[in-house]
Amino acid sequence: MKFYAGLIRNHPFANITFALVLLLGFAAYLMMPREQDPEINFNWVIVTATLPGASAEDVEKRITKPIEDAIKLVGDIKFVASNSRENVSSILVRFRDIPERVFDKRMADLRREIDNKAADELPPEAKDPKVLEITTSNGYATAMVLITGEADDEELRRNARDIRDDIERIAGVDRVYAIGLRDPELQVEFDPRAARALPAKMSRNQALTASAMSPGAMPLALAARGSNSTCNSGS
């Protein structure tokens, strides 16, 4: 009590002590570790896998469905949404609001189940599935550039790639995503009467990757779909 009483009566000493506490607190604040944009995890995960030369139906049956079955074995999942298109399967996984420690464990379980499914059931020609956690560093774009016009698809693709390359060269840009660049498509039509004249049996009708060709700078995949039962059903 004598110390506090003396501190109250000694005004200069009290003022110096108070100023010293403020200076030490300000210095401690300046030395605190901090991030300008701290990374935040949203408990969202994207799983992608590719099957070169496959149709959207084949990707759904041979890639998307098996991976979805593997994902269902993991706990604390809120919902799963998938999208299958030619060559590529994309699956969005939303986990429940769980602690970071539990989320890390669920991510390890998810990767293990997907790796096991890829080794046991996915076609050998399929690429290994990729698992990406959506965080503040990769989940939301800082800016979006929309390219549209009356030009053909090839010219729009070329302009989009040029703009993407220009943006990537800007200092401070971490990553650029190009979305909506549709792949070139080659359609082959045949004459059913001429097809019936060939020594071909419908029992040999199969869905497979037929070949690949390079008419320009980019290779094109050719696929045969074995879903037709007669020559008249093809186009």
Protein backbone atom coordinates (compact mmCIF):
# COMPACT_ATOMS: atom_id res chain seq x y z
CA MET A 1 0.00 0.00 0.00
CA LYS A 2 2.87 2.37 0.79
CA PHE A 3 4.22 1.84 -2.74
CA TYR A 4 0.93 2.80 -4.40
CA ALA A 5 0.47 5.76 -2.06
CA GLY A 6 3.96 7.00 -2.86
CA LEU A 7 3.34 6.48 -6.59
CA ILE A 8 0.18 8.58 -6.42
CA ARG A 9 1.90 11.40 -4.51
CA ASN A 10 4.97 11.36 -6.81
CA HIS A 11 3.35 12.70 -9.98
CA PRO A 12 6.53 12.94 -12.12
CA PHE A 13 7.44 9.30 -11.43
CA ALA A 14 3.88 8.18 -12.19
CA ASN A 15 3.89 10.07 -15.49
CA ILE A 16 7.25 8.60 -16.49
CA THR A 17 6.06 5.07 -15.63
CA PHE A 18 2.85 5.52 -17.64
CA ALA A 19 4.78 6.86 -20.65
CA LEU A 20 7.22 3.94 -20.43
CA VAL A 21 4.34 1.43 -20.45
CA LEU A 22 2.86 3.11 -23.54
CA LEU A 23 6.21 3.03 -25.37
CA LEU A 24 6.80 -0.63 -24.53
CA GLY A 25 3.28 -1.52 -25.68
CA PHE A 26 3.71 0.37 -28.97
CA ALA A 27 7.09 -1.32 -29.58
CA ALA A 28 5.56 -4.74 -28.89
CA TYR A 29 2.76 -3.98 -31.37
CA LEU A 30 5.26 -3.09 -34.10
CA MET A 31 7.21 -6.31 -33.53
CA MET A 32 4.14 -8.59 -33.63
CA PRO A 33 4.18 -11.03 -36.59
CA ARG A 34 1.30 -10.38 -38.97
CA GLU A 35 0.21 -10.99 -42.56
CA GLN A 36 -1.31 -8.50 -44.93
CA ASP A 37 -3.59 -11.15 -46.46
CA PRO A 38 -3.71 -14.16 -44.12
CA GLU A 39 -4.71 -17.44 -45.75
CA ILE A 40 -8.17 -18.64 -44.71
CA ASN A 41 -9.53 -22.10 -45.47
CA PHE A 42 -13.22 -22.29 -46.45
CA ASN A 43 -13.55 -26.10 -46.08
CA TRP A 44 -14.12 -26.41 -49.85
CA VAL A 45 -12.18 -28.90 -51.98
CA ILE A 46 -12.06 -29.44 -55.75
CA VAL A 47 -11.14 -32.86 -57.16
CA THR A 48 -10.25 -33.03 -60.87
CA ALA A 49 -9.34 -36.00 -63.04
CA THR A 50 -8.84 -36.40 -66.78
CA LEU A 51 -9.45 -39.23 -69.23
CA PRO A 52 -7.95 -38.14 -72.58
CA GLY A 53 -10.19 -38.73 -75.59
CA ALA A 54 -13.26 -39.74 -73.56
CA SER A 55 -16.77 -38.38 -74.06
CA ALA A 56 -18.71 -36.69 -71.27
CA GLU A 57 -20.76 -39.88 -70.79
CA ASP A 58 -17.63 -42.02 -70.46
CA VAL A 59 -16.07 -39.55 -68.01
CA GLU A 60 -19.25 -39.64 -65.88
CA LYS A 61 -19.35 -43.45 -65.81
CA ARG A 62 -15.65 -44.32 -65.58
CA ILE A 63 -14.22 -41.37 -63.60
CA THR A 64 -16.83 -39.26 -61.79
CA LYS A 65 -18.97 -42.03 -60.29
CA PRO A 66 -16.05 -44.07 -58.85
CA ILE A 67 -14.48 -40.95 -57.30
CA GLU A 68 -17.84 -39.92 -55.82
CA ASP A 69 -18.14 -43.37 -54.24
CA ALA A 70 -14.71 -42.89 -52.66
CA ILE A 71 -15.63 -39.43 -51.36
CA LYS A 72 -18.75 -40.81 -49.64
CA LEU A 73 -16.48 -42.87 -47.36
CA VAL A 74 -15.04 -39.69 -45.79
CA GLY A 75 -16.73 -38.17 -42.74
CA ASP A 76 -17.95 -34.61 -42.06
CA ILE A 77 -18.91 -33.93 -45.69
CA LYS A 78 -21.82 -31.50 -46.15
CA PHE A 79 -22.46 -32.04 -49.87
CA VAL A 80 -20.83 -33.11 -53.14
CA ALA A 81 -21.45 -31.63 -56.61
CA SER A 82 -19.89 -32.92 -59.83
CA ASN A 83 -19.53 -31.90 -63.46
CA SER A 84 -18.47 -34.26 -66.25
CA ARG A 85 -17.44 -33.04 -69.67
CA GLU A 86 -15.25 -34.34 -72.46
CA ASN A 87 -11.89 -35.48 -71.06
CA VAL A 88 -12.37 -33.87 -67.62
CA SER A 89 -14.22 -34.63 -64.39
CA SER A 90 -14.62 -31.90 -61.73
CA ILE A 91 -16.03 -32.63 -58.27
CA LEU A 92 -16.72 -29.98 -55.62
CA VAL A 93 -16.68 -31.15 -51.99
CA ARG A 94 -17.98 -29.04 -49.09
CA PHE A 95 -16.98 -30.07 -45.57
CA ARG A 96 -18.93 -29.10 -42.48
CA ASP A 97 -17.71 -26.31 -40.20
CA ILE A 98 -15.11 -28.32 -38.30
CA PRO A 99 -11.90 -27.34 -36.46
CA GLU A 100 -8.73 -27.01 -38.50
CA ARG A 101 -7.21 -30.08 -36.85
CA VAL A 102 -10.23 -32.22 -37.82
CA PHE A 103 -10.26 -30.75 -41.34
CA ASP A 104 -6.61 -31.73 -41.87
CA LYS A 105 -7.46 -35.28 -40.84
CA ARG A 106 -10.45 -35.40 -43.20
CA MET A 107 -8.25 -34.13 -46.03
CA ALA A 108 -5.80 -36.96 -45.39
CA ASP A 109 -8.72 -39.42 -45.43
CA LEU A 110 -10.03 -37.92 -48.68
CA ARG A 111 -6.69 -38.17 -50.46
CA ARG A 112 -6.22 -41.75 -49.26
CA GLU A 113 -9.67 -42.89 -50.45
CA ILE A 114 -9.24 -41.22 -53.84
CA ASP A 115 -5.76 -42.70 -54.32
CA ASN A 116 -7.08 -46.17 -53.47
CA LYS A 117 -9.96 -45.77 -55.91
CA ALA A 118 -7.62 -44.53 -58.64
CA ALA A 119 -5.36 -47.54 -58.19
CA ASP A 120 -8.20 -50.09 -58.11
CA GLU A 121 -10.97 -48.91 -60.45
CA LEU A 122 -10.01 -45.96 -62.65
CA PRO A 123 -8.88 -46.75 -66.23
CA PRO A 124 -5.11 -47.07 -66.65
CA GLU A 125 -5.12 -44.29 -69.26
CA ALA A 126 -6.70 -41.84 -66.79
CA LYS A 127 -4.49 -39.19 -65.21
CA ASP A 128 -4.06 -39.21 -61.43
CA PRO A 129 -6.81 -37.19 -59.70
CA LYS A 130 -5.77 -33.84 -58.24
CA VAL A 131 -7.14 -32.55 -54.92
CA LEU A 132 -7.11 -28.77 -54.33
CA GLU A 133 -8.16 -26.98 -51.14
CA ILE A 134 -9.95 -23.68 -51.78
CA THR A 135 -8.44 -20.91 -49.64
CA THR A 136 -8.16 -17.14 -49.86
CA SER A 137 -4.94 -17.57 -51.85
CA ASN A 138 -6.58 -19.53 -54.68
CA GLY A 139 -10.33 -19.32 -54.20
CA TYR A 140 -11.30 -15.85 -55.39
CA ALA A 141 -9.95 -13.85 -58.26
CA THR A 142 -8.69 -10.32 -57.73
CA ALA A 143 -9.88 -9.26 -61.20
CA MET A 144 -11.76 -10.82 -64.09
CA VAL A 145 -11.26 -10.08 -67.80
CA LEU A 146 -14.10 -11.01 -70.18
CA ILE A 147 -13.34 -11.49 -73.87
CA THR A 148 -16.25 -11.55 -76.32
CA GLY A 149 -16.96 -10.59 -79.90
CA GLU A 150 -18.20 -11.69 -83.30
CA ALA A 151 -14.98 -13.50 -84.23
CA ASP A 152 -14.76 -17.27 -84.58
CA ASP A 153 -13.75 -19.51 -81.68
CA GLU A 154 -10.15 -19.91 -82.81
CA GLU A 155 -9.53 -16.15 -82.94
CA LEU A 156 -11.16 -15.66 -79.52
CA ARG A 157 -8.99 -18.44 -78.07
CA ARG A 158 -5.86 -16.88 -79.54
CA ASN A 159 -6.72 -13.43 -78.17
CA ALA A 160 -7.56 -14.89 -74.75
CA ARG A 161 -4.21 -16.69 -74.56
CA ASP A 162 -2.35 -13.53 -75.56
CA ILE A 163 -4.11 -11.51 -72.85
CA ARG A 164 -3.47 -14.27 -70.31
CA ASP A 165 0.25 -14.23 -71.12
CA ASP A 166 0.35 -10.42 -70.83
CA ILE A 167 -1.34 -10.51 -67.41
CA GLU A 168 1.04 -13.23 -66.16
CA ARG A 169 3.99 -10.97 -66.95
CA ILE A 170 2.67 -8.18 -64.68
CA ALA A 171 4.67 -7.87 -61.46
CA GLY A 172 2.82 -9.15 -58.42
CA VAL A 173 0.44 -11.47 -60.30
CA ASP A 174 0.49 -14.88 -58.64
CA ARG A 175 -1.73 -16.94 -60.95
CA VAL A 176 -4.03 -16.52 -63.96
CA TYR A 177 -6.89 -18.90 -64.74
CA ALA A 178 -8.29 -19.16 -68.27
CA ILE A 179 -11.91 -20.36 -68.23
CA GLY A 180 -14.22 -21.05 -71.15
CA LEU A 181 -11.59 -21.80 -73.80
CA ARG A 182 -13.55 -24.45 -75.65
CA ASP A 183 -11.48 -27.13 -77.33
CA PRO A 184 -11.73 -27.49 -81.13
CA GLU A 185 -14.15 -30.22 -82.25
CA LEU A 186 -14.00 -32.34 -85.38
CA GLN A 187 -17.28 -33.96 -86.52
CA VAL A 188 -17.23 -36.97 -88.85
CA GLU A 189 -20.39 -37.92 -90.77
CA PHE A 190 -20.82 -41.20 -92.62
CA ASP A 191 -23.27 -42.72 -95.10
CA PRO A 192 -25.28 -45.58 -93.48
CA ARG A 193 -25.73 -47.34 -96.84
CA ALA A 194 -22.02 -47.24 -97.51
CA ALA A 195 -21.34 -48.43 -93.95
CA ARG A 196 -23.64 -51.45 -94.41
CA ALA A 197 -21.67 -52.42 -97.50
CA LEU A 198 -18.46 -52.68 -95.47
CA PRO A 199 -17.43 -56.00 -93.83
CA ALA A 200 -18.05 -54.64 -90.31
CA LYS A 201 -20.11 -56.27 -87.54
CA MET A 202 -22.13 -54.32 -84.98
CA SER A 203 -20.90 -56.74 -82.30
CA ARG A 204 -17.49 -55.09 -82.62
CA ASN A 205 -18.99 -51.68 -81.87
CA GLN A 206 -16.98 -50.25 -78.94
CA ALA A 207 -16.40 -47.00 -77.11
CA LEU A 208 -12.72 -46.20 -77.24
CA THR A 209 -10.16 -43.59 -78.12
CA ALA A 210 -9.68 -44.01 -81.84
CA SER A 211 -6.64 -41.90 -82.63
CA ALA A 212 -5.13 -38.46 -82.46
CA MET A 213 -4.27 -35.96 -85.16
CA SER A 214 -2.49 -32.60 -85.29
CA PRO A 215 -3.96 -30.40 -88.05
CA GLY A 216 -2.37 -27.33 -86.49
CA ALA A 217 -0.48 -26.34 -83.40
CA MET A 218 -2.77 -28.26 -81.04
CA PRO A 219 -3.40 -32.04 -81.16
CA LEU A 220 -6.99 -33.28 -81.50
CA ALA A 221 -8.27 -36.51 -79.96
CA LEU A 222 -10.55 -38.79 -82.01
CA ALA A 223 -12.95 -41.05 -80.12
CA ALA A 224 -15.38 -43.76 -81.26
CA ARG A 225 -18.59 -44.08 -79.26
CA GLY A 226 -20.02 -47.59 -79.10
CA SER A 227 -23.60 -46.63 -78.25
CA ASN A 228 -25.19 -47.30 -81.67
CA SER A 229 -26.98 -50.57 -82.33
CA THR A 230 -27.53 -50.05 -86.07
CA CYS A 231 -25.85 -48.14 -88.85
CA ASN A 232 -28.90 -45.86 -89.19
CA SER A 233 -28.50 -44.64 -85.59
CA GLY A 234 -25.12 -43.06 -86.28
CA SER A 235 -24.54 -39.53 -87.49
